[in-house]
Amino acid sequence: MEHFGILGIIPPVLTIILAFATKDVIVSLFLGIVSGALIAAGGNPFMALMRFTDLIADSLADGWNIRIFLFCALLGGLVGMLTKTGAAGAFGRWASAKLKTRTSSQFMTAVFGIIIFIDDYFNSLSVGTVMRPICDKTRVSRAKLAYILDSTAAPICILAPISSWVVTVMSIIRDAQGFEKLGMSEFQFFIRAIPYNLYALLALLLVFAVIFLKRDFGPMKRSEELAARGTLYNEALYGPASGAEETAANKAAKPADMLFPIIVLIISAVVFFPVTTWLAAINGGDVSSLSDAARSMTLGEAFNNTDSSVALCYAVVFTITATYIYYLARRLLTLKEAGEALRGGINSMAPALIILAMAWAIGTIIKAAPEEGGLGLGVYLSELVRGGGFPVWILPAVMFIVSAVISFATGTSWGTFGIMLPIALPIITTLAEANGMAQDMLVHASMIVCAAVIGGAVFGDHASPISDTTILSSTGASCPHLEHVATQMPYAMFSAVCACVGFIFGGIFLSLGAAWISALAVFAAGLLVLPALMDKIKQKG
């Protein structure tokens, strides 16, 4: 038996329904996994719970997975130290002396948000508290500040190769059925898929468009008009502003203290990607020294064949060590404070780490064959869509919409990654093979479908009123939460519509160029007509 048939759809569907009903992704994933284990165990609840335990343990026993798990935890510790020093405040004080206009303060907020790509929570809170006084001085509305914070949090984290978001996506894609047919590493897949991530890139493009072209529309335009007259947020309509904790004040901190760990992390990751490949060649007995290994392959081959989990784990350990010593030497932290900051940062990652482990587990039970204790859902869905003549061209748009709905309802992208990617990849690889696609077209189709899932998941994290990042962006900007949601929603929906159009045309022509031309055409037309159109709607209303 290759699969359990229609019963295999129960775990992901149950997870989605429970996520909608409870808004608790961890509980929903747990019950989804247990339901799958119950089916695989023939209805025996004791065997099902034992299978659940084994799934979690086996996922963490995998060398690749445990390194990704450690990378995410240690990245949280690094952010904890960075937060404790008050270096972000020093960077803000340095920047404030150079920012005199509304445009420059908005632009610097966006740039600052892009620089802090390693963590979305730290991004929203630190950039918000640093830039809020500057934006207040230049009469930028709190709603606009919150929007820029939110749009440079999740959309940036999913594009930066060195972030907990990206390694999570890579780990799920790597284990998804059908990935082995693509003939590349998970890191190669991610890097090549960046241009396909239409939603995240369009969301960032819209930030700079509204900053420099001043094409605000909808409730945001009204908030900006009030700010220009001195009212930074609309308390009468949306209630009081969200509270925001001030970043740690430390007069000894300098702007370079914030940039130091980020630069070290980037440099060490770039160095360890090829070094990891060379070390693997030495351990495999192919060569006897690092220099021989470097000469035995091109630098491009070393990057392409790297084990990204090993390289990133080395990089974050090296960065934490260097940053720890640096902050102690600069007397920004004491030994006790540094230890507390590390522990606090790691603890803050606990919910994300639980979701990550659950995502691995549900992916395993969906993918594995019945003789291995799984449901074989990928095989069943592949047979179903192949036999039903499901058109390939519509799949990216469908996956984008479904992922967007799930993530918006649950407020989390990580849970959506875990549910949707193990379903999407086997479907598209099977459909591509059934349609006789060449290898390069198979890769293209897989990238655009996975990017559609990722983009839809990021949309929910970006726009949902119950998303952690949305709430923290309101808090960091000290903006009424309802005002942030109301003013950002038209912008997020606009980016989503443009991305969906791009996924439709990209699917029809199986062309990245067609996807971007169609998306940008809608994007440009929208910026031209939406401000006036929404003003007319307001007047009629």
Protein backbone atom coordinates (compact mmCIF):
# COMPACT_ATOMS: atom_id res chain seq x y z
CA MET A 1 0.00 0.00 0.00
CA GLU A 2 1.46 3.35 -1.09
CA HIS A 3 -0.97 5.61 0.77
CA PHE A 4 -4.10 5.80 2.95
CA GLY A 5 -6.13 7.53 0.26
CA ILE A 6 -8.53 10.30 1.27
CA LEU A 7 -7.81 9.66 4.97
CA GLY A 8 -4.38 11.20 4.45
CA ILE A 9 -5.94 14.63 3.97
CA ILE A 10 -7.32 14.64 7.53
CA PRO A 11 -4.17 15.90 9.38
CA PRO A 12 -3.60 19.07 7.31
CA VAL A 13 -7.33 19.83 7.00
CA LEU A 14 -7.90 19.27 10.72
CA THR A 15 -4.89 21.47 11.50
CA ILE A 16 -6.24 24.26 9.32
CA ILE A 17 -9.76 24.06 10.80
CA LEU A 18 -8.46 24.04 14.36
CA ALA A 19 -6.09 26.91 13.61
CA PHE A 20 -9.06 28.96 12.38
CA ALA A 21 -11.15 28.02 15.41
CA THR A 22 -8.56 28.27 18.18
CA LYS A 23 -6.00 30.73 16.75
CA ASP A 24 -3.44 28.44 18.44
CA VAL A 25 -1.11 26.94 15.85
CA ILE A 26 0.85 24.80 18.32
CA VAL A 27 -2.26 23.00 19.62
CA SER A 28 -3.61 22.69 16.06
CA LEU A 29 -0.38 21.16 14.77
CA PHE A 30 -0.24 18.79 17.74
CA LEU A 31 -3.76 17.49 17.13
CA GLY A 32 -3.13 17.29 13.38
CA ILE A 33 -0.04 15.14 13.93
CA VAL A 34 -1.82 12.92 16.46
CA SER A 35 -4.74 12.43 14.03
CA GLY A 36 -2.28 11.29 11.37
CA ALA A 37 -0.54 8.96 13.81
CA LEU A 38 -3.95 7.57 14.85
CA ILE A 39 -4.79 6.74 11.22
CA ALA A 40 -1.39 5.15 10.64
CA ALA A 41 -1.73 3.14 13.87
CA GLY A 42 -5.09 1.71 12.84
CA GLY A 43 -7.03 3.69 15.43
CA ASN A 44 -4.92 2.65 18.44
CA PRO A 45 -4.57 5.79 20.63
CA PHE A 46 -1.62 4.44 22.64
CA MET A 47 0.35 3.61 19.51
CA ALA A 48 -0.59 7.01 18.07
CA LEU A 49 0.84 8.90 21.06
CA MET A 50 3.97 6.78 20.95
CA ARG A 51 4.30 7.54 17.23
CA PHE A 52 3.90 11.26 17.94
CA THR A 53 6.74 11.10 20.49
CA ASP A 54 8.95 9.23 18.04
CA LEU A 55 8.22 11.76 15.28
CA ILE A 56 9.39 14.69 17.43
CA ALA A 57 12.43 12.79 18.73
CA ASP A 58 13.44 11.57 15.28
CA SER A 59 13.11 15.04 13.77
CA LEU A 60 15.46 16.45 16.42
CA ALA A 61 17.82 13.49 16.10
CA ASP A 62 18.46 14.39 12.47
CA GLY A 63 21.78 16.22 12.19
CA TRP A 64 20.49 18.80 9.70
CA ASN A 65 17.38 19.57 11.75
CA ILE A 66 19.11 19.90 15.10
CA ARG A 67 21.61 22.36 13.66
CA ILE A 68 18.76 24.48 12.29
CA PHE A 69 17.07 24.22 15.68
CA LEU A 70 20.27 25.41 17.39
CA PHE A 71 20.75 28.18 14.82
CA CYS A 72 17.29 29.60 15.56
CA ALA A 73 17.78 29.37 19.34
CA LEU A 74 21.25 30.94 19.26
CA LEU A 75 20.08 33.67 16.90
CA GLY A 76 17.54 34.56 19.57
CA GLY A 77 20.39 34.75 22.09
CA LEU A 78 22.36 37.04 19.80
CA VAL A 79 19.35 39.36 19.46
CA GLY A 80 18.95 39.29 23.25
CA MET A 81 22.51 40.59 23.73
CA LEU A 82 22.08 43.21 21.04
CA THR A 83 18.88 44.45 22.66
CA LYS A 84 20.45 44.65 26.12
CA THR A 85 23.31 46.91 25.03
CA GLY A 86 21.09 49.80 23.89
CA ALA A 87 23.15 49.97 20.68
CA ALA A 88 20.01 50.47 18.59
CA GLY A 89 19.29 53.66 20.52
CA ALA A 90 22.81 54.91 19.80
CA PHE A 91 22.27 54.27 16.11
CA GLY A 92 19.00 56.21 16.28
CA ARG A 93 20.60 59.18 18.03
CA TRP A 94 23.29 59.28 15.37
CA ALA A 95 20.71 59.14 12.60
CA SER A 96 18.40 61.75 14.14
CA ALA A 97 20.96 64.50 13.68
CA LYS A 98 20.94 63.92 9.93
CA LEU A 99 17.19 63.60 9.32
CA LYS A 100 15.26 66.83 8.77
CA THR A 101 12.37 65.94 6.43
CA ARG A 102 9.41 63.55 6.36
CA THR A 103 10.86 61.70 3.39
CA SER A 104 14.30 61.25 4.94
CA SER A 105 12.93 60.00 8.27
CA GLN A 106 10.66 57.47 6.52
CA PHE A 107 13.50 56.35 4.27
CA MET A 108 15.87 55.86 7.21
CA THR A 109 13.20 53.85 9.05
CA ALA A 110 12.94 51.54 6.03
CA VAL A 111 16.72 51.24 5.68
CA PHE A 112 17.10 50.58 9.41
CA GLY A 113 14.42 47.88 9.12
CA ILE A 114 16.27 46.23 6.24
CA ILE A 115 19.57 46.28 8.13
CA ILE A 116 18.00 44.39 11.06
CA PHE A 117 17.01 41.35 8.99
CA ILE A 118 17.93 38.70 11.54
CA ASP A 119 14.73 38.91 13.64
CA ASP A 120 11.30 40.40 12.96
CA TYR A 121 10.41 40.97 16.63
CA PHE A 122 13.61 42.88 17.35
CA ASN A 123 13.11 44.81 14.12
CA SER A 124 9.63 46.05 14.99
CA LEU A 125 10.40 47.04 18.59
CA SER A 126 13.92 48.44 18.28
CA VAL A 127 13.45 50.36 15.03
CA GLY A 128 10.10 51.65 16.26
CA THR A 129 11.32 53.01 19.57
CA VAL A 130 14.44 54.49 17.96
CA MET A 131 12.72 56.15 15.00
CA ARG A 132 9.48 57.23 16.67
CA PRO A 133 10.85 60.50 18.13
CA ILE A 134 12.43 61.35 14.77
CA CYS A 135 9.23 60.62 12.86
CA ASP A 136 7.23 62.61 15.42
CA LYS A 137 9.55 65.57 14.92
CA THR A 138 9.10 65.45 11.13
CA ARG A 139 5.32 64.86 11.45
CA VAL A 140 5.15 61.35 10.07
CA SER A 141 2.00 59.65 11.34
CA ARG A 142 2.38 56.80 13.79
CA ALA A 143 0.34 54.69 11.34
CA LYS A 144 2.90 55.26 8.59
CA LEU A 145 5.74 54.41 10.98
CA ALA A 146 3.98 51.18 12.02
CA TYR A 147 3.38 50.29 8.37
CA ILE A 148 7.06 50.74 7.48
CA LEU A 149 8.10 48.68 10.51
CA ASP A 150 5.72 45.87 9.61
CA SER A 151 6.69 45.90 5.92
CA THR A 152 10.40 45.60 6.69
CA ALA A 153 9.92 42.80 9.23
CA ALA A 154 8.43 39.59 7.79
CA PRO A 155 9.03 40.52 4.11
CA ILE A 156 12.73 41.14 4.83
CA CYS A 157 13.22 38.09 7.08
CA ILE A 158 11.93 35.77 4.34
CA LEU A 159 14.34 37.24 1.76
CA ALA A 160 17.55 37.32 3.81
CA PRO A 161 19.54 34.07 3.47
CA ILE A 162 20.71 34.31 7.09
CA SER A 163 17.57 34.36 9.22
CA SER A 164 15.53 31.93 11.29
CA TRP A 165 12.68 32.27 8.78
CA VAL A 166 14.75 31.14 5.84
CA VAL A 167 16.35 28.15 7.54
CA THR A 168 12.86 27.06 8.62
CA VAL A 169 11.61 27.18 5.03
CA MET A 170 14.72 25.36 3.78
CA SER A 171 14.30 22.61 6.36
CA ILE A 172 10.65 22.00 5.40
CA ILE A 173 11.31 22.10 1.65
CA ARG A 174 14.33 19.82 2.00
CA ASP A 175 12.18 17.07 3.55
CA ALA A 176 9.16 17.53 1.25
CA GLN A 177 8.36 14.76 -1.19
CA GLY A 178 9.54 15.62 -4.69
CA PHE A 179 12.40 17.92 -3.68
CA GLU A 180 14.98 15.28 -4.61
CA LYS A 181 13.79 15.54 -8.24
CA LEU A 182 15.03 19.13 -8.49
CA GLY A 183 18.71 18.17 -8.36
CA MET A 184 19.95 20.95 -6.09
CA SER A 185 20.61 21.75 -2.45
CA GLU A 186 18.00 23.48 -0.32
CA PHE A 187 20.24 26.58 -0.13
CA GLN A 188 20.54 26.74 -3.92
CA PHE A 189 16.79 26.38 -4.17
CA PHE A 190 16.20 29.26 -1.77
CA ILE A 191 18.68 31.62 -3.45
CA ARG A 192 17.28 30.91 -6.92
CA ALA A 193 13.69 31.26 -5.65
CA ILE A 194 14.17 34.80 -4.23
CA PRO A 195 13.07 36.56 -7.48
CA TYR A 196 9.88 34.44 -7.46
CA ASN A 197 8.82 35.72 -4.04
CA LEU A 198 6.51 38.33 -5.54
CA TYR A 199 4.60 39.30 -2.43
CA ALA A 200 7.59 40.06 -0.21
CA LEU A 201 9.39 42.01 -2.95
CA LEU A 202 6.27 43.96 -3.95
CA ALA A 203 5.52 44.80 -0.32
CA LEU A 204 9.02 46.29 -0.02
CA LEU A 205 8.70 48.09 -3.35
CA LEU A 206 5.43 49.65 -2.18
CA VAL A 207 7.12 51.03 0.93
CA PHE A 208 9.63 52.99 -1.14
CA ALA A 209 6.98 53.97 -3.69
CA VAL A 210 4.75 55.61 -1.09
CA ILE A 211 7.76 57.26 0.58
CA PHE A 212 9.21 58.87 -2.55
CA LEU A 213 6.18 59.16 -4.82
CA LYS A 214 3.87 60.20 -1.95
CA ARG A 215 1.03 58.07 -3.31
CA ASP A 216 -0.74 57.33 -0.03
CA PHE A 217 -4.33 56.16 -0.30
CA GLY A 218 -7.20 55.05 1.89
CA PRO A 219 -7.12 55.47 5.69
CA MET A 220 -3.34 55.98 5.57
CA LYS A 221 -3.79 59.17 3.56
CA ARG A 222 -6.15 60.53 6.20
CA SER A 223 -3.71 59.63 9.00
CA GLU A 224 -0.89 61.39 7.14
CA GLU A 225 -3.04 64.50 6.62
CA LEU A 226 -3.77 64.60 10.36
CA ALA A 227 -0.07 64.19 11.16
CA ALA A 228 0.81 67.10 8.88
CA ARG A 229 -1.49 69.22 11.09
CA GLY A 230 0.15 67.94 14.27
CA THR A 231 -2.12 65.00 15.23
CA LEU A 232 0.16 61.97 15.02
CA TYR A 233 -2.52 59.34 15.64
CA ASN A 234 -6.31 59.32 15.55
CA GLU A 235 -7.29 58.55 19.14
CA ALA A 236 -10.89 59.68 18.58
CA LEU A 237 -11.47 57.04 15.91
CA TYR A 238 -9.12 54.21 16.91
CA GLY A 239 -8.55 54.58 20.64
CA PRO A 240 -5.36 55.19 22.62
CA ALA A 241 -1.91 54.36 21.31
CA SER A 242 -0.30 51.03 22.11
CA GLY A 243 2.36 51.20 24.79
CA ALA A 244 5.98 50.79 23.77
CA GLU A 245 8.91 49.94 26.01
CA GLU A 246 11.91 52.14 25.49
CA THR A 247 15.07 50.44 24.34
CA ALA A 248 17.80 50.15 26.92
CA ALA A 249 19.60 53.46 27.40
CA ASN A 250 23.38 53.21 27.42
CA LYS A 251 25.42 56.35 26.80
CA ALA A 252 28.54 54.26 26.17
CA ALA A 253 26.96 52.50 23.17
CA LYS A 254 27.85 53.64 19.66
CA PRO A 255 26.19 53.05 16.27
CA ALA A 256 28.94 50.58 15.35
CA ASP A 257 27.96 48.41 18.33
CA MET A 258 24.66 47.60 16.62
CA LEU A 259 26.27 46.85 13.26
CA PHE A 260 29.10 44.71 14.67
CA PRO A 261 27.18 41.42 15.26
CA ILE A 262 25.24 41.77 11.99
CA ILE A 263 28.42 42.30 9.95
CA VAL A 264 30.22 39.45 11.73
CA LEU A 265 27.27 37.12 11.11
CA ILE A 266 27.21 37.94 7.39
CA ILE A 267 30.97 37.62 6.94
CA SER A 268 31.25 34.40 8.95
CA ALA A 269 28.36 32.81 7.03
CA VAL A 270 29.93 33.75 3.68
CA VAL A 271 33.24 32.27 4.84
CA PHE A 272 31.79 29.07 6.30
CA PHE A 273 29.66 28.17 3.27
CA PRO A 274 32.68 27.12 1.15
CA VAL A 275 34.79 26.07 4.16
CA THR A 276 32.10 23.56 5.15
CA THR A 277 32.30 21.96 1.69
CA TRP A 278 36.08 21.80 1.85
CA LEU A 279 35.98 20.20 5.32
CA ALA A 280 33.49 17.62 4.04
CA ALA A 281 35.91 16.76 1.21
CA ILE A 282 38.71 16.24 3.76
CA ASN A 283 36.49 14.06 6.00
CA GLY A 284 35.45 12.06 2.96
CA GLY A 285 39.07 11.24 2.22
CA ASP A 286 39.11 12.96 -1.17
CA VAL A 287 41.83 15.40 -0.14
CA SER A 288 44.16 15.77 2.82
CA SER A 289 44.20 19.53 3.52
CA LEU A 290 42.03 22.61 3.31
CA SER A 291 44.20 24.12 0.60
CA ASP A 292 43.98 20.94 -1.49
CA ALA A 293 40.20 20.95 -1.06
CA ALA A 294 40.00 24.59 -2.19
CA ARG A 295 42.04 23.80 -5.29
CA SER A 296 39.96 20.70 -6.12
CA MET A 297 36.80 22.68 -6.88
CA THR A 298 35.69 26.13 -7.95
CA LEU A 299 34.37 28.58 -5.38
CA GLY A 300 30.95 28.34 -7.02
CA GLU A 301 30.93 24.57 -6.58
CA ALA A 302 31.95 24.97 -2.95
CA PHE A 303 29.02 27.31 -2.33
CA ASN A 304 26.53 25.15 -4.22
CA ASN A 305 27.51 21.89 -2.54
CA THR A 306 27.63 23.22 1.01
CA ASP A 307 25.60 21.88 3.91
CA SER A 308 23.91 25.14 4.88
CA SER A 309 22.86 23.83 8.30
CA VAL A 310 26.50 23.21 9.25
CA ALA A 311 27.70 26.51 7.81
CA LEU A 312 25.00 28.59 9.51
CA CYS A 313 25.47 26.82 12.82
CA TYR A 314 29.22 27.52 12.72
CA ALA A 315 28.51 31.13 11.75
CA VAL A 316 26.08 31.87 14.58
CA VAL A 317 28.32 30.23 17.22
CA PHE A 318 31.31 32.21 15.94
CA THR A 319 29.24 35.42 15.90
CA ILE A 320 27.90 34.96 19.44
CA THR A 321 31.42 34.29 20.73
CA ALA A 322 32.89 37.34 18.96
CA THR A 323 29.97 39.56 20.00
CA TYR A 324 30.11 38.36 23.61
CA ILE A 325 33.82 39.22 23.85
CA TYR A 326 33.31 42.51 22.01
CA TYR A 327 30.50 43.71 24.28
CA LEU A 328 32.42 42.71 27.40
CA ALA A 329 35.53 44.51 26.13
CA ARG A 330 33.45 47.60 25.32
CA ARG A 331 31.91 47.33 28.83
CA LEU A 332 28.43 47.46 27.36
CA LEU A 333 27.52 44.31 29.29
CA THR A 334 28.79 42.63 32.44
CA LEU A 335 29.25 38.86 32.60
CA LYS A 336 25.94 38.56 34.46
CA GLU A 337 24.06 40.84 32.05
CA ALA A 338 25.44 39.04 29.01
CA GLY A 339 24.36 35.67 30.41
CA GLU A 340 20.89 36.97 31.24
CA ALA A 341 20.55 38.52 27.78
CA LEU A 342 21.57 35.25 26.10
CA ARG A 343 19.11 33.21 28.15
CA GLY A 344 16.31 35.71 27.63
CA GLY A 345 16.87 35.78 23.89
CA ILE A 346 16.90 31.99 23.63
CA ASN A 347 13.73 31.77 25.76
CA SER A 348 11.98 34.22 23.42
CA MET A 349 12.46 31.73 20.58
CA ALA A 350 10.70 28.88 22.42
CA PRO A 351 7.28 29.22 20.67
CA ALA A 352 8.93 29.40 17.25
CA LEU A 353 11.10 26.36 18.04
CA ILE A 354 8.04 24.34 19.10
CA ILE A 355 6.27 25.25 15.85
CA LEU A 356 9.40 24.27 13.91
CA ALA A 357 9.56 20.84 15.55
CA MET A 358 5.82 20.34 14.96
CA ALA A 359 6.20 21.37 11.30
CA TRP A 360 8.91 18.75 10.81
CA ALA A 361 6.71 16.11 12.45
CA ILE A 362 3.57 16.80 10.41
CA GLY A 363 5.69 16.97 7.26
CA THR A 364 7.14 13.53 8.07
CA ILE A 365 3.81 11.83 8.73
CA ILE A 366 2.35 13.35 5.56
CA LYS A 367 5.32 12.32 3.42
CA ALA A 368 6.25 8.89 4.80
CA ALA A 369 4.86 5.72 3.27
CA PRO A 370 2.47 3.54 5.33
CA GLU A 371 5.16 0.92 5.97
CA GLU A 372 7.24 3.70 7.55
CA GLY A 373 4.39 4.85 9.80
CA GLY A 374 3.16 7.66 7.53
CA LEU A 375 0.15 8.37 5.33
CA GLY A 376 1.68 8.77 1.87
CA LEU A 377 -0.41 11.89 1.29
CA GLY A 378 1.97 13.26 -1.34
CA VAL A 379 1.58 10.11 -3.45
CA TYR A 380 -2.22 10.22 -3.13
CA LEU A 381 -2.49 13.91 -4.03
CA SER A 382 -0.10 13.42 -6.93
CA GLU A 383 -2.25 10.61 -8.31
CA LEU A 384 -5.41 12.63 -7.72
CA VAL A 385 -4.30 15.78 -9.54
CA ARG A 386 -2.69 13.79 -12.35
CA GLY A 387 -5.84 11.77 -12.92
CA GLY A 388 -8.11 14.80 -12.58
CA GLY A 389 -6.27 16.83 -15.19
CA PHE A 390 -5.66 19.73 -12.79
CA PRO A 391 -4.09 22.60 -14.78
CA VAL A 392 -0.54 23.54 -13.77
CA TRP A 393 -0.99 27.21 -14.60
CA ILE A 394 -3.54 27.92 -11.85
CA LEU A 395 -1.65 26.11 -9.06
CA PRO A 396 0.62 29.04 -8.00
CA ALA A 397 -2.33 31.42 -7.59
CA VAL A 398 -4.39 28.79 -5.74
CA MET A 399 -1.52 28.02 -3.36
CA PHE A 400 -0.95 31.74 -2.76
CA ILE A 401 -4.61 32.38 -1.90
CA VAL A 402 -5.01 29.32 0.33
CA SER A 403 -1.77 30.10 2.21
CA ALA A 404 -2.80 33.75 2.59
CA VAL A 405 -6.18 32.79 4.05
CA ILE A 406 -4.64 30.31 6.50
CA SER A 407 -1.91 32.67 7.67
CA PHE A 408 -4.29 35.64 7.95
CA ALA A 409 -6.73 33.62 10.06
CA THR A 410 -4.02 32.19 12.31
CA GLY A 411 -1.64 35.15 12.37
CA THR A 412 1.42 32.98 11.76
CA SER A 413 3.52 32.19 8.72
CA TRP A 414 5.65 29.41 10.23
CA GLY A 415 2.63 27.18 10.84
CA THR A 416 1.46 27.84 7.28
CA PHE A 417 4.88 26.85 5.92
CA GLY A 418 4.65 23.56 7.80
CA ILE A 419 1.13 22.79 6.54
CA MET A 420 1.31 23.92 2.92
CA LEU A 421 4.85 23.27 1.63
CA PRO A 422 4.72 19.46 2.13
CA ILE A 423 1.48 19.50 0.12
CA ALA A 424 2.49 21.92 -2.63
CA LEU A 425 5.84 20.45 -3.67
CA PRO A 426 4.75 16.86 -4.43
CA ILE A 427 1.73 18.15 -6.36
CA ILE A 428 3.73 20.44 -8.65
CA THR A 429 6.55 17.96 -9.25
CA THR A 430 4.06 15.24 -10.18
CA LEU A 431 2.04 17.56 -12.42
CA ALA A 432 5.21 18.77 -14.11
CA GLU A 433 6.34 15.22 -14.82
CA ALA A 434 2.87 14.20 -16.04
CA ASN A 435 2.98 17.09 -18.51
CA GLY A 436 6.40 16.08 -19.77
CA MET A 437 8.23 19.18 -18.55
CA ALA A 438 11.98 19.41 -19.07
CA GLN A 439 14.17 19.61 -15.95
CA ASP A 440 14.63 23.39 -16.12
CA MET A 441 10.85 23.93 -16.40
CA LEU A 442 10.26 21.52 -13.51
CA VAL A 443 12.59 23.62 -11.37
CA HIS A 444 10.88 26.83 -12.47
CA ALA A 445 7.40 25.45 -11.75
CA SER A 446 8.49 24.20 -8.31
CA MET A 447 10.05 27.53 -7.40
CA ILE A 448 7.04 29.61 -8.37
CA VAL A 449 4.63 27.33 -6.48
CA CYS A 450 6.78 27.25 -3.33
CA ALA A 451 7.25 31.03 -3.58
CA ALA A 452 3.47 31.39 -3.82
CA VAL A 453 3.02 29.41 -0.58
CA ILE A 454 5.75 31.44 1.14
CA GLY A 455 4.31 34.73 -0.13
CA GLY A 456 0.82 33.85 1.03
CA ALA A 457 2.16 32.87 4.45
CA VAL A 458 4.09 36.14 4.74
CA PHE A 459 0.96 38.11 3.77
CA GLY A 460 -0.86 36.75 6.81
CA ASP A 461 2.03 37.51 9.14
CA HIS A 462 2.24 40.99 7.62
CA ALA A 463 -1.46 41.91 7.59
CA SER A 464 -3.34 39.85 10.17
CA PRO A 465 -4.53 41.83 13.21
CA ILE A 466 -3.63 38.86 15.44
CA SER A 467 -0.12 38.43 14.04
CA ASP A 468 2.69 38.94 16.57
CA THR A 469 4.58 41.14 14.12
CA THR A 470 1.54 43.32 13.44
CA ILE A 471 0.95 43.78 17.18
CA LEU A 472 4.63 44.52 17.86
CA SER A 473 4.76 47.03 14.99
CA SER A 474 1.85 48.90 16.58
CA THR A 475 3.65 48.74 19.91
CA GLY A 476 7.02 49.83 18.52
CA ALA A 477 5.43 52.80 16.75
CA SER A 478 3.17 53.59 19.72
CA CYS A 479 0.24 53.58 17.32
CA PRO A 480 -3.33 52.48 18.12
CA HIS A 481 -3.44 48.88 16.98
CA LEU A 482 -6.72 49.29 15.09
CA GLU A 483 -5.32 52.32 13.25
CA HIS A 484 -2.28 50.31 12.15
CA VAL A 485 -4.46 47.43 10.95
CA ALA A 486 -6.93 49.74 9.15
CA THR A 487 -4.27 51.85 7.44
CA GLN A 488 -1.98 48.97 6.46
CA MET A 489 -4.68 46.60 5.17
CA PRO A 490 -5.29 48.37 1.81
CA TYR A 491 -1.52 48.41 1.16
CA ALA A 492 -1.09 44.73 2.03
CA MET A 493 -4.13 43.76 -0.04
CA PHE A 494 -2.84 45.81 -2.97
CA SER A 495 0.52 44.01 -2.86
CA ALA A 496 -1.30 40.68 -2.56
CA VAL A 497 -3.49 41.38 -5.61
CA CYS A 498 -0.45 42.38 -7.68
CA ALA A 499 1.38 39.22 -6.55
CA CYS A 500 -1.63 37.02 -7.33
CA VAL A 501 -1.86 38.45 -10.86
CA GLY A 502 1.86 37.77 -11.25
CA PHE A 503 1.43 34.17 -10.09
CA ILE A 504 -1.41 33.65 -12.59
CA PHE A 505 0.60 34.91 -15.57
CA GLY A 506 3.77 33.28 -14.29
CA GLY A 507 1.87 29.99 -14.16
CA ILE A 508 0.35 30.41 -17.61
CA PHE A 509 3.64 31.17 -19.36
CA LEU A 510 5.91 29.40 -16.84
CA SER A 511 8.05 32.52 -16.99
CA LEU A 512 9.48 34.70 -14.24
CA GLY A 513 9.51 37.60 -16.69
CA ALA A 514 5.78 37.22 -17.39
CA ALA A 515 5.07 37.09 -13.65
CA TRP A 516 6.94 40.34 -12.99
CA ILE A 517 5.68 42.22 -16.06
CA SER A 518 2.05 41.50 -15.19
CA ALA A 519 2.53 42.20 -11.47
CA LEU A 520 4.34 45.49 -12.11
CA ALA A 521 1.72 46.56 -14.66
CA VAL A 522 -1.02 46.17 -12.03
CA PHE A 523 1.27 47.79 -9.44
CA ALA A 524 1.88 50.90 -11.58
CA ALA A 525 -1.78 51.19 -12.58
CA GLY A 526 -2.86 50.88 -8.96
CA LEU A 527 -0.53 53.63 -7.77
CA LEU A 528 -1.92 55.89 -10.49
CA VAL A 529 -5.62 55.37 -9.85
CA LEU A 530 -6.04 54.19 -6.24
CA PRO A 531 -5.44 57.52 -4.42
CA ALA A 532 -8.08 59.36 -6.49
CA LEU A 533 -10.43 56.37 -6.58
CA MET A 534 -10.43 55.90 -2.81
CA ASP A 535 -10.94 59.63 -2.31
CA LYS A 536 -14.07 59.44 -4.48
CA ILE A 537 -15.33 56.42 -2.55
CA LYS A 538 -14.79 58.32 0.69
CA GLN A 539 -16.69 61.36 -0.60
CA LYS A 540 -19.65 59.22 -1.73
CA GLY A 541 -19.64 57.37 1.56
